[in-house]
Amino acid sequence: MWQYIVRQLLQRLLILFIISFLAFIILGQMDDPVQLLKTMNPMITQTEINEYIKQQGLDKPIVVRYFYWLKNALLHQDFGISRQYYTPTFELLMQRIPNTIYLQAIVLLIIVLISLPLGIFSAVKQYSTFDYIFTFLAFTGAAIPVFWFALMLIIIFGVLPPPGYRLPFTGMFSDKVVVKGVVVSYEAAPLFAKFVDRVKHLILPVLSSSIVSLSGLTRYTRSALLEVIRQDYVRTARAKGLPERKVIFSHALRNAMIPIATILIQLIPSLFAGSIVIEQIFGWPGMGKLTFEAVMNNDYTLAMTSIMFMAFLTVIFTLIADIAYAFLDPRITYR
């Protein structure tokens, strides 16, 4: 088992190296940094330009710059300075990550609480009216573009209703909060008023983020449980006269949860990647919005740091899923 883990770690380190190299090369070709600097500051002198070129290593080939970046990242945790914020990119990312975790943790909780019961009930009631309705809604939800669904929610719940009934769709909280008919600043509002305001700001981003993953996990839960229900040991449990509830939850679901658990683990990095679209649409101050702005503003050092963080999450959680599968299913052995 330990040999397998070490081998997988080495393979994933190689994958991270390849991703970082390709990302650095591609992002480095996005725009001419010197021309961009001149556009942002037309009054800049040639001396300042030369100093900037030397500081950023732009006088060296891009492959040399990559290995220089890699050395600083590995040895000094220095991923570069953001051109837009003039701040270390790793520091900027650490400031925004908690906001993304806050949003996506709630999304993941909603997905689990809704998709698992729906998938189980649909499998138990296979070919029923509910099953057909659920299957139609699940495929529809999986096919809906996230950005379009988010915009529709904003129009329906944030624009069309009367002013007092609209849901907020920008940021994490409001600047002003109404408390007993009086408008006060968010900082001066009571704790409960702050909580209600935060919940209102969460509704639309959470609904938009969860629609596709919820549909997919529900269908996967249904398929996994249907496959287990057909097994001999489940028929044997029924033949012994066990209640149907015990057959489903104590025998079938226990084994069906093995692949579902690995899907849930792998869902975490995909939620972080999907936050780029959702956070930009709803103005959520997380790492997804930061990454989008970095790409649009040609801040390739910041974009590079964000891409590597998402790549790191992906390879780590896929490794965790592989290891968890072995622990959850004793029939699997790794050599």
C-alpha atoms as a PDB file:
ATOM      1  CA  MET A   1       0.000   0.000   0.000  1.00  0.00           C
ATOM      2  CA  TRP A   2       2.758   2.434   0.944  1.00  0.00           C
ATOM      3  CA  GLN A   3       4.630   1.601  -2.255  1.00  0.00           C
ATOM      4  CA  TYR A   4       1.496   2.456  -4.225  1.00  0.00           C
ATOM      5  CA  ILE A   5       1.095   5.787  -2.396  1.00  0.00           C
ATOM      6  CA  VAL A   6       4.735   6.758  -2.983  1.00  0.00           C
ATOM      7  CA  ARG A   7       4.494   5.781  -6.652  1.00  0.00           C
ATOM      8  CA  GLN A   8       1.307   7.804  -7.092  1.00  0.00           C
ATOM      9  CA  LEU A   9       2.863  10.810  -5.336  1.00  0.00           C
ATOM     10  CA  LEU A  10       5.826  10.744  -7.694  1.00  0.00           C
ATOM     11  CA  GLN A  11       3.538  10.484 -10.711  1.00  0.00           C
ATOM     12  CA  ARG A  12       1.468  13.428  -9.507  1.00  0.00           C
ATOM     13  CA  LEU A  13       4.577  15.513  -8.895  1.00  0.00           C
ATOM     14  CA  LEU A  14       5.506  14.876 -12.518  1.00  0.00           C
ATOM     15  CA  ILE A  15       2.001  15.906 -13.586  1.00  0.00           C
ATOM     16  CA  LEU A  16       2.268  19.129 -11.564  1.00  0.00           C
ATOM     17  CA  PHE A  17       5.624  19.864 -13.166  1.00  0.00           C
ATOM     18  CA  ILE A  18       4.186  19.394 -16.676  1.00  0.00           C
ATOM     19  CA  ILE A  19       1.130  21.528 -15.876  1.00  0.00           C
ATOM     20  CA  SER A  20       3.265  24.315 -14.434  1.00  0.00           C
ATOM     21  CA  PHE A  21       5.614  24.291 -17.426  1.00  0.00           C
ATOM     22  CA  LEU A  22       2.807  24.395 -20.009  1.00  0.00           C
ATOM     23  CA  ALA A  23       0.852  27.020 -18.062  1.00  0.00           C
ATOM     24  CA  PHE A  24       3.929  29.240 -17.718  1.00  0.00           C
ATOM     25  CA  ILE A  25       4.734  28.999 -21.432  1.00  0.00           C
ATOM     26  CA  ILE A  26       1.135  29.689 -22.515  1.00  0.00           C
ATOM     27  CA  LEU A  27       0.555  32.546 -20.076  1.00  0.00           C
ATOM     28  CA  GLY A  28       3.917  34.041 -20.998  1.00  0.00           C
ATOM     29  CA  GLN A  29       2.710  34.417 -24.591  1.00  0.00           C
ATOM     30  CA  MET A  30      -0.481  36.275 -23.658  1.00  0.00           C
ATOM     31  CA  ASP A  31       0.871  39.790 -24.111  1.00  0.00           C
ATOM     32  CA  ASP A  32       4.036  41.859 -24.228  1.00  0.00           C
ATOM     33  CA  PRO A  33       4.650  42.914 -20.583  1.00  0.00           C
ATOM     34  CA  VAL A  34       6.686  45.949 -21.596  1.00  0.00           C
ATOM     35  CA  GLN A  35       4.021  47.201 -24.001  1.00  0.00           C
ATOM     36  CA  LEU A  36       1.393  46.616 -21.351  1.00  0.00           C
ATOM     37  CA  LEU A  37       3.450  48.641 -18.870  1.00  0.00           C
ATOM     38  CA  LYS A  38       3.723  51.509 -21.347  1.00  0.00           C
ATOM     39  CA  THR A  39      -0.037  51.427 -21.935  1.00  0.00           C
ATOM     40  CA  MET A  40      -0.759  51.559 -18.206  1.00  0.00           C
ATOM     41  CA  ASN A  41       1.773  54.345 -17.591  1.00  0.00           C
ATOM     42  CA  PRO A  42       2.510  56.448 -20.719  1.00  0.00           C
ATOM     43  CA  MET A  43       4.849  58.706 -18.688  1.00  0.00           C
ATOM     44  CA  ILE A  44       7.212  55.891 -17.731  1.00  0.00           C
ATOM     45  CA  THR A  45      10.883  56.449 -18.566  1.00  0.00           C
ATOM     46  CA  GLN A  46      13.207  54.088 -20.386  1.00  0.00           C
ATOM     47  CA  THR A  47      15.292  53.721 -17.232  1.00  0.00           C
ATOM     48  CA  GLU A  48      12.248  52.509 -15.322  1.00  0.00           C
ATOM     49  CA  ILE A  49      11.394  50.141 -18.163  1.00  0.00           C
ATOM     50  CA  ASN A  50      14.907  48.667 -18.111  1.00  0.00           C
ATOM     51  CA  GLU A  51      14.692  48.228 -14.350  1.00  0.00           C
ATOM     52  CA  TYR A  52      11.337  46.481 -14.726  1.00  0.00           C
ATOM     53  CA  ILE A  53      12.726  44.160 -17.414  1.00  0.00           C
ATOM     54  CA  LYS A  54      15.655  43.226 -15.172  1.00  0.00           C
ATOM     55  CA  GLN A  55      13.437  42.758 -12.120  1.00  0.00           C
ATOM     56  CA  GLN A  56      10.986  40.483 -13.974  1.00  0.00           C
ATOM     57  CA  GLY A  57      13.721  38.617 -15.855  1.00  0.00           C
ATOM     58  CA  LEU A  58      12.162  39.549 -19.195  1.00  0.00           C
ATOM     59  CA  ASP A  59      15.590  39.780 -20.811  1.00  0.00           C
ATOM     60  CA  LYS A  60      15.967  35.987 -20.518  1.00  0.00           C
ATOM     61  CA  PRO A  61      14.355  33.206 -22.615  1.00  0.00           C
ATOM     62  CA  ILE A  62      10.980  32.063 -21.339  1.00  0.00           C
ATOM     63  CA  VAL A  63      12.246  28.561 -20.464  1.00  0.00           C
ATOM     64  CA  VAL A  64      14.968  30.093 -18.289  1.00  0.00           C
ATOM     65  CA  ARG A  65      12.362  32.317 -16.646  1.00  0.00           C
ATOM     66  CA  TYR A  66      10.253  29.257 -15.904  1.00  0.00           C
ATOM     67  CA  PHE A  67      13.028  27.463 -14.016  1.00  0.00           C
ATOM     68  CA  TYR A  68      13.818  30.681 -12.181  1.00  0.00           C
ATOM     69  CA  TRP A  69      10.134  30.878 -11.159  1.00  0.00           C
ATOM     70  CA  LEU A  70      10.119  27.198 -10.168  1.00  0.00           C
ATOM     71  CA  LYS A  71      13.196  27.615  -7.973  1.00  0.00           C
ATOM     72  CA  ASN A  72      11.706  30.599  -6.155  1.00  0.00           C
ATOM     73  CA  ALA A  73       8.370  28.832  -5.737  1.00  0.00           C
ATOM     74  CA  LEU A  74       9.853  25.639  -4.302  1.00  0.00           C
ATOM     75  CA  LEU A  75      12.607  27.106  -2.149  1.00  0.00           C
ATOM     76  CA  HIS A  76      11.150  30.435  -1.025  1.00  0.00           C
ATOM     77  CA  GLN A  77       7.374  30.100  -1.642  1.00  0.00           C
ATOM     78  CA  ASP A  78       7.795  33.120  -3.892  1.00  0.00           C
ATOM     79  CA  PHE A  79       5.349  32.824  -6.799  1.00  0.00           C
ATOM     80  CA  GLY A  80       5.959  36.318  -8.090  1.00  0.00           C
ATOM     81  CA  ILE A  81       4.473  39.794  -7.713  1.00  0.00           C
ATOM     82  CA  SER A  82       1.051  40.657  -9.103  1.00  0.00           C
ATOM     83  CA  ARG A  83       1.245  43.307 -11.818  1.00  0.00           C
ATOM     84  CA  GLN A  84      -2.237  44.511 -10.939  1.00  0.00           C
ATOM     85  CA  TYR A  85      -2.014  44.668  -7.136  1.00  0.00           C
ATOM     86  CA  TYR A  86       1.770  45.012  -6.674  1.00  0.00           C
ATOM     87  CA  THR A  87       1.502  42.342  -3.953  1.00  0.00           C
ATOM     88  CA  PRO A  88       2.940  38.798  -3.718  1.00  0.00           C
ATOM     89  CA  THR A  89       0.520  36.535  -5.568  1.00  0.00           C
ATOM     90  CA  PHE A  90       0.572  33.828  -2.894  1.00  0.00           C
ATOM     91  CA  GLU A  91      -0.468  36.398  -0.294  1.00  0.00           C
ATOM     92  CA  LEU A  92      -3.346  37.579  -2.493  1.00  0.00           C
ATOM     93  CA  LEU A  93      -4.511  34.011  -3.011  1.00  0.00           C
ATOM     94  CA  MET A  94      -4.463  33.241   0.717  1.00  0.00           C
ATOM     95  CA  GLN A  95      -6.644  36.306   1.339  1.00  0.00           C
ATOM     96  CA  ARG A  96      -9.292  35.125  -1.127  1.00  0.00           C
ATOM     97  CA  ILE A  97      -9.294  31.344  -0.549  1.00  0.00           C
ATOM     98  CA  PRO A  98     -11.327  31.494   2.727  1.00  0.00           C
ATOM     99  CA  ASN A  99     -14.165  33.248   0.868  1.00  0.00           C
ATOM    100  CA  THR A 100     -14.219  30.525  -1.774  1.00  0.00           C
ATOM    101  CA  ILE A 101     -14.101  27.781   0.860  1.00  0.00           C
ATOM    102  CA  TYR A 102     -16.992  29.478   2.690  1.00  0.00           C
ATOM    103  CA  LEU A 103     -19.140  29.419  -0.463  1.00  0.00           C
ATOM    104  CA  GLN A 104     -18.168  25.993  -1.785  1.00  0.00           C
ATOM    105  CA  ALA A 105     -18.457  24.259   1.609  1.00  0.00           C
ATOM    106  CA  ILE A 106     -22.118  25.306   1.725  1.00  0.00           C
ATOM    107  CA  VAL A 107     -22.564  24.198  -1.891  1.00  0.00           C
ATOM    108  CA  LEU A 108     -21.063  20.791  -1.091  1.00  0.00           C
ATOM    109  CA  LEU A 109     -23.291  20.423   1.974  1.00  0.00           C
ATOM    110  CA  ILE A 110     -26.400  21.244  -0.084  1.00  0.00           C
ATOM    111  CA  ILE A 111     -25.364  18.781  -2.786  1.00  0.00           C
ATOM    112  CA  VAL A 112     -24.903  15.954  -0.291  1.00  0.00           C
ATOM    113  CA  LEU A 113     -28.104  16.642   1.671  1.00  0.00           C
ATOM    114  CA  ILE A 114     -30.263  16.754  -1.471  1.00  0.00           C
ATOM    115  CA  SER A 115     -28.633  14.431  -4.014  1.00  0.00           C
ATOM    116  CA  LEU A 116     -28.172  11.357  -1.802  1.00  0.00           C
ATOM    117  CA  PRO A 117     -31.803  11.110  -0.559  1.00  0.00           C
ATOM    118  CA  LEU A 118     -33.155  11.849  -4.058  1.00  0.00           C
ATOM    119  CA  GLY A 119     -30.889   9.260  -5.663  1.00  0.00           C
ATOM    120  CA  ILE A 120     -31.783   6.617  -3.074  1.00  0.00           C
ATOM    121  CA  PHE A 121     -35.532   7.241  -3.352  1.00  0.00           C
ATOM    122  CA  SER A 122     -35.383   7.224  -7.151  1.00  0.00           C
ATOM    123  CA  ALA A 123     -33.528   3.887  -7.165  1.00  0.00           C
ATOM    124  CA  VAL A 124     -35.946   2.304  -4.703  1.00  0.00           C
ATOM    125  CA  LYS A 125     -38.927   3.583  -6.734  1.00  0.00           C
ATOM    126  CA  GLN A 126     -37.437   2.664 -10.113  1.00  0.00           C
ATOM    127  CA  TYR A 127     -39.755   3.257 -13.089  1.00  0.00           C
ATOM    128  CA  SER A 128     -42.240   5.098 -10.894  1.00  0.00           C
ATOM    129  CA  THR A 129     -43.703   8.489 -11.802  1.00  0.00           C
ATOM    130  CA  PHE A 130     -41.261  10.144  -9.400  1.00  0.00           C
ATOM    131  CA  ASP A 131     -38.341   8.320 -11.018  1.00  0.00           C
ATOM    132  CA  TYR A 132     -39.299   9.530 -14.491  1.00  0.00           C
ATOM    133  CA  ILE A 133     -39.792  13.103 -13.281  1.00  0.00           C
ATOM    134  CA  PHE A 134     -36.523  13.046 -11.375  1.00  0.00           C
ATOM    135  CA  THR A 135     -34.598  11.595 -14.330  1.00  0.00           C
ATOM    136  CA  PHE A 136     -35.939  14.312 -16.603  1.00  0.00           C
ATOM    137  CA  LEU A 137     -35.048  17.063 -14.116  1.00  0.00           C
ATOM    138  CA  ALA A 138     -31.605  15.563 -13.457  1.00  0.00           C
ATOM    139  CA  PHE A 139     -30.681  15.460 -17.136  1.00  0.00           C
ATOM    140  CA  THR A 140     -32.081  18.966 -17.610  1.00  0.00           C
ATOM    141  CA  GLY A 141     -30.057  20.281 -14.672  1.00  0.00           C
ATOM    142  CA  ALA A 142     -26.885  18.652 -15.977  1.00  0.00           C
ATOM    143  CA  ALA A 143     -27.424  20.161 -19.434  1.00  0.00           C
ATOM    144  CA  ILE A 144     -28.095  23.741 -18.287  1.00  0.00           C
ATOM    145  CA  PRO A 145     -25.078  26.065 -18.734  1.00  0.00           C
ATOM    146  CA  VAL A 146     -24.096  27.373 -15.307  1.00  0.00           C
ATOM    147  CA  PHE A 147     -23.555  30.965 -16.456  1.00  0.00           C
ATOM    148  CA  TRP A 148     -26.987  31.060 -18.159  1.00  0.00           C
ATOM    149  CA  PHE A 149     -28.710  29.593 -15.099  1.00  0.00           C
ATOM    150  CA  ALA A 150     -26.990  32.150 -12.852  1.00  0.00           C
ATOM    151  CA  LEU A 151     -28.097  35.034 -15.069  1.00  0.00           C
ATOM    152  CA  MET A 152     -31.696  33.724 -15.116  1.00  0.00           C
ATOM    153  CA  LEU A 153     -31.709  33.540 -11.322  1.00  0.00           C
ATOM    154  CA  ILE A 154     -30.453  37.116 -11.114  1.00  0.00           C
ATOM    155  CA  ILE A 155     -33.216  38.324 -13.448  1.00  0.00           C
ATOM    156  CA  ILE A 156     -36.001  36.322 -11.784  1.00  0.00           C
ATOM    157  CA  PHE A 157     -35.089  36.889  -8.134  1.00  0.00           C
ATOM    158  CA  GLY A 158     -32.834  39.944  -8.173  1.00  0.00           C
ATOM    159  CA  VAL A 159     -34.302  42.250 -10.848  1.00  0.00           C
ATOM    160  CA  LEU A 160     -37.971  41.507 -11.586  1.00  0.00           C
ATOM    161  CA  PRO A 161     -39.446  41.445  -8.020  1.00  0.00           C
ATOM    162  CA  PRO A 162     -40.394  44.709  -6.246  1.00  0.00           C
ATOM    163  CA  PRO A 163     -37.462  46.462  -4.484  1.00  0.00           C
ATOM    164  CA  GLY A 164     -38.279  45.123  -1.031  1.00  0.00           C
ATOM    165  CA  TYR A 165     -38.408  41.491  -2.203  1.00  0.00           C
ATOM    166  CA  ARG A 166     -35.293  41.237  -4.351  1.00  0.00           C
ATOM    167  CA  LEU A 167     -32.442  38.928  -3.468  1.00  0.00           C
ATOM    168  CA  PRO A 168     -28.962  40.502  -3.506  1.00  0.00           C
ATOM    169  CA  PHE A 169     -26.657  39.198  -6.221  1.00  0.00           C
ATOM    170  CA  THR A 170     -23.386  41.048  -5.653  1.00  0.00           C
ATOM    171  CA  GLY A 171     -20.766  40.468  -2.983  1.00  0.00           C
ATOM    172  CA  MET A 172     -20.874  38.593   0.320  1.00  0.00           C
ATOM    173  CA  PHE A 173     -22.865  41.154   2.310  1.00  0.00           C
ATOM    174  CA  SER A 174     -24.539  44.548   1.958  1.00  0.00           C
ATOM    175  CA  ASP A 175     -23.003  47.878   2.876  1.00  0.00           C
ATOM    176  CA  LYS A 176     -26.277  48.896   4.533  1.00  0.00           C
ATOM    177  CA  VAL A 177     -28.724  46.707   6.475  1.00  0.00           C
ATOM    178  CA  VAL A 178     -32.314  47.536   7.436  1.00  0.00           C
ATOM    179  CA  VAL A 179     -32.913  46.924  11.155  1.00  0.00           C
ATOM    180  CA  LYS A 180     -36.469  47.578  12.418  1.00  0.00           C
ATOM    181  CA  GLY A 181     -37.090  49.999   9.593  1.00  0.00           C
ATOM    182  CA  VAL A 182     -33.830  51.882  10.137  1.00  0.00           C
ATOM    183  CA  VAL A 183     -30.936  51.708   7.673  1.00  0.00           C
ATOM    184  CA  VAL A 184     -27.618  51.107   9.446  1.00  0.00           C
ATOM    185  CA  SER A 185     -24.151  50.120   8.286  1.00  0.00           C
ATOM    186  CA  TYR A 186     -23.334  46.435   8.159  1.00  0.00           C
ATOM    187  CA  GLU A 187     -20.716  46.776  10.916  1.00  0.00           C
ATOM    188  CA  ALA A 188     -23.236  48.434  13.256  1.00  0.00           C
ATOM    189  CA  ALA A 189     -26.022  45.928  12.596  1.00  0.00           C
ATOM    190  CA  PRO A 190     -26.970  43.267  15.186  1.00  0.00           C
ATOM    191  CA  LEU A 191     -25.578  39.771  14.751  1.00  0.00           C
ATOM    192  CA  PHE A 192     -28.884  38.272  13.599  1.00  0.00           C
ATOM    193  CA  ALA A 193     -29.336  40.995  10.955  1.00  0.00           C
ATOM    194  CA  LYS A 194     -25.827  40.266   9.663  1.00  0.00           C
ATOM    195  CA  PHE A 195     -26.622  36.547   9.539  1.00  0.00           C
ATOM    196  CA  VAL A 196     -29.829  37.121   7.554  1.00  0.00           C
ATOM    197  CA  ASP A 197     -28.012  39.424   5.139  1.00  0.00           C
ATOM    198  CA  ARG A 198     -25.260  36.847   4.595  1.00  0.00           C
ATOM    199  CA  VAL A 199     -27.824  34.112   3.942  1.00  0.00           C
ATOM    200  CA  LYS A 200     -29.586  36.278   1.349  1.00  0.00           C
ATOM    201  CA  HIS A 201     -26.295  36.845  -0.470  1.00  0.00           C
ATOM    202  CA  LEU A 202     -25.617  33.097  -0.460  1.00  0.00           C
ATOM    203  CA  ILE A 203     -28.901  31.924  -2.006  1.00  0.00           C
ATOM    204  CA  LEU A 204     -28.286  32.730  -5.672  1.00  0.00           C
ATOM    205  CA  PRO A 205     -24.561  31.756  -5.843  1.00  0.00           C
ATOM    206  CA  VAL A 206     -25.259  28.477  -4.017  1.00  0.00           C
ATOM    207  CA  LEU A 207     -28.166  27.588  -6.307  1.00  0.00           C
ATOM    208  CA  SER A 208     -26.085  28.379  -9.388  1.00  0.00           C
ATOM    209  CA  SER A 209     -23.034  26.441  -8.187  1.00  0.00           C
ATOM    210  CA  SER A 210     -24.916  23.340  -7.105  1.00  0.00           C
ATOM    211  CA  ILE A 211     -27.247  22.710 -10.053  1.00  0.00           C
ATOM    212  CA  VAL A 212     -24.896  20.679 -12.275  1.00  0.00           C
ATOM    213  CA  SER A 213     -23.060  18.774  -9.523  1.00  0.00           C
ATOM    214  CA  LEU A 214     -26.317  18.028  -7.710  1.00  0.00           C
ATOM    215  CA  SER A 215     -27.864  16.549 -10.849  1.00  0.00           C
ATOM    216  CA  GLY A 216     -24.789  14.472 -11.608  1.00  0.00           C
ATOM    217  CA  LEU A 217     -24.333  13.090  -8.096  1.00  0.00           C
ATOM    218  CA  THR A 218     -28.043  12.246  -7.803  1.00  0.00           C
ATOM    219  CA  ARG A 219     -27.963  10.225 -11.019  1.00  0.00           C
ATOM    220  CA  TYR A 220     -24.739   8.539  -9.929  1.00  0.00           C
ATOM    221  CA  THR A 221     -26.270   7.625  -6.542  1.00  0.00           C
ATOM    222  CA  ARG A 222     -29.281   6.138  -8.303  1.00  0.00           C
ATOM    223  CA  SER A 223     -27.129   4.086 -10.685  1.00  0.00           C
ATOM    224  CA  ALA A 224     -24.793   2.849  -7.930  1.00  0.00           C
ATOM    225  CA  LEU A 225     -27.686   1.750  -5.707  1.00  0.00           C
ATOM    226  CA  LEU A 226     -29.526   0.056  -8.579  1.00  0.00           C
ATOM    227  CA  GLU A 227     -26.398  -1.943  -9.378  1.00  0.00           C
ATOM    228  CA  VAL A 228     -26.056  -3.087  -5.766  1.00  0.00           C
ATOM    229  CA  ILE A 229     -29.757  -3.908  -5.337  1.00  0.00           C
ATOM    230  CA  ARG A 230     -29.468  -6.535  -8.081  1.00  0.00           C
ATOM    231  CA  GLN A 231     -26.703  -8.398  -6.221  1.00  0.00           C
ATOM    232  CA  ASP A 232     -27.298 -11.846  -4.747  1.00  0.00           C
ATOM    233  CA  TYR A 233     -26.631 -10.840  -1.147  1.00  0.00           C
ATOM    234  CA  VAL A 234     -29.422  -8.239  -1.323  1.00  0.00           C
ATOM    235  CA  ARG A 235     -31.880 -10.835  -2.631  1.00  0.00           C
ATOM    236  CA  THR A 236     -30.727 -13.152   0.160  1.00  0.00           C
ATOM    237  CA  ALA A 237     -31.381 -10.441   2.764  1.00  0.00           C
ATOM    238  CA  ARG A 238     -34.902 -10.006   1.393  1.00  0.00           C
ATOM    239  CA  ALA A 239     -35.454 -13.783   1.370  1.00  0.00           C
ATOM    240  CA  LYS A 240     -34.584 -13.877   5.073  1.00  0.00           C
ATOM    241  CA  GLY A 241     -37.537 -11.601   5.732  1.00  0.00           C
ATOM    242  CA  LEU A 242     -35.610  -8.477   6.689  1.00  0.00           C
ATOM    243  CA  PRO A 243     -37.586  -5.223   6.467  1.00  0.00           C
ATOM    244  CA  GLU A 244     -37.067  -3.403   3.155  1.00  0.00           C
ATOM    245  CA  ARG A 245     -35.727  -0.360   4.979  1.00  0.00           C
ATOM    246  CA  LYS A 246     -33.005  -2.438   6.619  1.00  0.00           C
ATOM    247  CA  VAL A 247     -32.187  -4.181   3.347  1.00  0.00           C
ATOM    248  CA  ILE A 248     -31.659  -0.843   1.598  1.00  0.00           C
ATOM    249  CA  PHE A 249     -29.836   1.118   4.303  1.00  0.00           C
ATOM    250  CA  SER A 250     -27.879  -1.630   6.081  1.00  0.00           C
ATOM    251  CA  HIS A 251     -26.911  -3.817   3.134  1.00  0.00           C
ATOM    252  CA  ALA A 252     -27.320  -2.139  -0.259  1.00  0.00           C
ATOM    253  CA  LEU A 253     -26.515   1.483   0.554  1.00  0.00           C
ATOM    254  CA  ARG A 254     -23.446   0.576   2.577  1.00  0.00           C
ATOM    255  CA  ASN A 255     -21.744  -0.898  -0.496  1.00  0.00           C
ATOM    256  CA  ALA A 256     -23.188   1.613  -2.936  1.00  0.00           C
ATOM    257  CA  MET A 257     -21.586   4.428  -0.916  1.00  0.00           C
ATOM    258  CA  ILE A 258     -18.082   3.186  -1.762  1.00  0.00           C
ATOM    259  CA  PRO A 259     -17.934   4.664  -5.302  1.00  0.00           C
ATOM    260  CA  ILE A 260     -20.146   7.586  -4.260  1.00  0.00           C
ATOM    261  CA  ALA A 261     -17.635   8.590  -1.562  1.00  0.00           C
ATOM    262  CA  THR A 262     -14.823   8.730  -4.107  1.00  0.00           C
ATOM    263  CA  ILE A 263     -16.966  10.867  -6.426  1.00  0.00           C
ATOM    264  CA  LEU A 264     -17.638  13.268  -3.556  1.00  0.00           C
ATOM    265  CA  ILE A 265     -13.917  13.588  -2.835  1.00  0.00           C
ATOM    266  CA  GLN A 266     -13.146  14.331  -6.481  1.00  0.00           C
ATOM    267  CA  LEU A 267     -16.009  16.842  -6.579  1.00  0.00           C
ATOM    268  CA  ILE A 268     -14.159  19.245  -4.268  1.00  0.00           C
ATOM    269  CA  PRO A 269     -11.496  20.473  -6.754  1.00  0.00           C
ATOM    270  CA  SER A 270     -14.106  20.729  -9.516  1.00  0.00           C
ATOM    271  CA  LEU A 271     -16.170  23.061  -7.316  1.00  0.00           C
ATOM    272  CA  PHE A 272     -13.109  25.283  -6.851  1.00  0.00           C
ATOM    273  CA  ALA A 273     -12.538  25.338 -10.603  1.00  0.00           C
ATOM    274  CA  GLY A 274     -16.195  26.149 -11.245  1.00  0.00           C
ATOM    275  CA  SER A 275     -16.023  29.055  -8.819  1.00  0.00           C
ATOM    276  CA  ILE A 276     -14.297  31.141 -11.514  1.00  0.00           C
ATOM    277  CA  VAL A 277     -17.587  31.615 -13.389  1.00  0.00           C
ATOM    278  CA  ILE A 278     -19.884  31.901 -10.368  1.00  0.00           C
ATOM    279  CA  GLU A 279     -17.717  34.337  -8.426  1.00  0.00           C
ATOM    280  CA  GLN A 280     -17.300  36.590 -11.430  1.00  0.00           C
ATOM    281  CA  ILE A 281     -21.040  36.699 -12.142  1.00  0.00           C
ATOM    282  CA  PHE A 282     -22.014  37.375  -8.528  1.00  0.00           C
ATOM    283  CA  GLY A 283     -19.036  39.567  -7.616  1.00  0.00           C
ATOM    284  CA  TRP A 284     -18.006  37.106  -4.913  1.00  0.00           C
ATOM    285  CA  PRO A 285     -14.548  38.143  -3.615  1.00  0.00           C
ATOM    286  CA  GLY A 286     -12.951  34.712  -3.834  1.00  0.00           C
ATOM    287  CA  MET A 287     -10.057  33.105  -5.645  1.00  0.00           C
ATOM    288  CA  GLY A 288     -12.210  32.359  -8.706  1.00  0.00           C
ATOM    289  CA  LYS A 289     -12.929  36.037  -9.298  1.00  0.00           C
ATOM    290  CA  LEU A 290      -9.287  36.839  -8.610  1.00  0.00           C
ATOM    291  CA  THR A 291      -8.193  34.301 -11.243  1.00  0.00           C
ATOM    292  CA  PHE A 292     -10.614  35.664 -13.839  1.00  0.00           C
ATOM    293  CA  GLU A 293      -9.432  39.220 -13.273  1.00  0.00           C
ATOM    294  CA  ALA A 294      -5.795  38.102 -13.476  1.00  0.00           C
ATOM    295  CA  VAL A 295      -6.349  36.513 -16.894  1.00  0.00           C
ATOM    296  CA  MET A 296      -8.368  39.447 -18.238  1.00  0.00           C
ATOM    297  CA  ASN A 297      -5.761  41.964 -17.027  1.00  0.00           C
ATOM    298  CA  ASN A 298      -2.781  39.946 -18.313  1.00  0.00           C
ATOM    299  CA  ASP A 299      -1.528  39.473 -14.761  1.00  0.00           C
ATOM    300  CA  TYR A 300       0.082  36.163 -15.673  1.00  0.00           C
ATOM    301  CA  THR A 301       2.028  35.759 -12.421  1.00  0.00           C
ATOM    302  CA  LEU A 302      -1.208  35.850 -10.428  1.00  0.00           C
ATOM    303  CA  ALA A 303      -2.976  33.632 -12.970  1.00  0.00           C
ATOM    304  CA  MET A 304      -0.085  31.175 -12.776  1.00  0.00           C
ATOM    305  CA  THR A 305      -0.349  30.949  -8.988  1.00  0.00           C
ATOM    306  CA  SER A 306      -4.114  30.353  -9.146  1.00  0.00           C
ATOM    307  CA  ILE A 307      -3.780  27.691 -11.837  1.00  0.00           C
ATOM    308  CA  MET A 308      -1.150  25.840  -9.839  1.00  0.00           C
ATOM    309  CA  PHE A 309      -3.293  25.933  -6.718  1.00  0.00           C
ATOM    310  CA  MET A 310      -6.216  24.375  -8.597  1.00  0.00           C
ATOM    311  CA  ALA A 311      -3.922  21.796 -10.193  1.00  0.00           C
ATOM    312  CA  PHE A 312      -2.526  20.953  -6.751  1.00  0.00           C
ATOM    313  CA  LEU A 313      -6.050  20.474  -5.382  1.00  0.00           C
ATOM    314  CA  THR A 314      -6.973  18.214  -8.292  1.00  0.00           C
ATOM    315  CA  VAL A 315      -3.995  15.859  -8.047  1.00  0.00           C
ATOM    316  CA  ILE A 316      -4.158  15.699  -4.240  1.00  0.00           C
ATOM    317  CA  PHE A 317      -7.875  14.931  -4.059  1.00  0.00           C
ATOM    318  CA  THR A 318      -7.658  12.321  -6.824  1.00  0.00           C
ATOM    319  CA  LEU A 319      -4.907  10.640  -4.802  1.00  0.00           C
ATOM    320  CA  ILE A 320      -7.066  10.810  -1.667  1.00  0.00           C
ATOM    321  CA  ALA A 321      -9.960   9.282  -3.628  1.00  0.00           C
ATOM    322  CA  ASP A 322      -7.782   6.390  -4.834  1.00  0.00           C
ATOM    323  CA  ILE A 323      -6.518   5.688  -1.329  1.00  0.00           C
ATOM    324  CA  ALA A 324      -9.990   6.032   0.200  1.00  0.00           C
ATOM    325  CA  TYR A 325     -11.374   3.533  -2.299  1.00  0.00           C
ATOM    326  CA  ALA A 326      -8.905   0.927  -1.063  1.00  0.00           C
ATOM    327  CA  PHE A 327      -9.850   1.530   2.564  1.00  0.00           C
ATOM    328  CA  LEU A 328     -13.583   1.535   1.876  1.00  0.00           C
ATOM    329  CA  ASP A 329     -13.566  -1.581  -0.296  1.00  0.00           C
ATOM    330  CA  PRO A 330     -11.472  -4.433   1.189  1.00  0.00           C
ATOM    331  CA  ARG A 331     -11.740  -6.342  -2.113  1.00  0.00           C
ATOM    332  CA  ILE A 332      -9.331  -3.864  -3.721  1.00  0.00           C
ATOM    333  CA  THR A 333      -5.604  -4.310  -3.241  1.00  0.00           C
ATOM    334  CA  TYR A 334      -2.881  -2.045  -4.591  1.00  0.00           C
ATOM    335  CA  ARG A 335       0.521  -3.339  -5.512  1.00  0.00           C
END
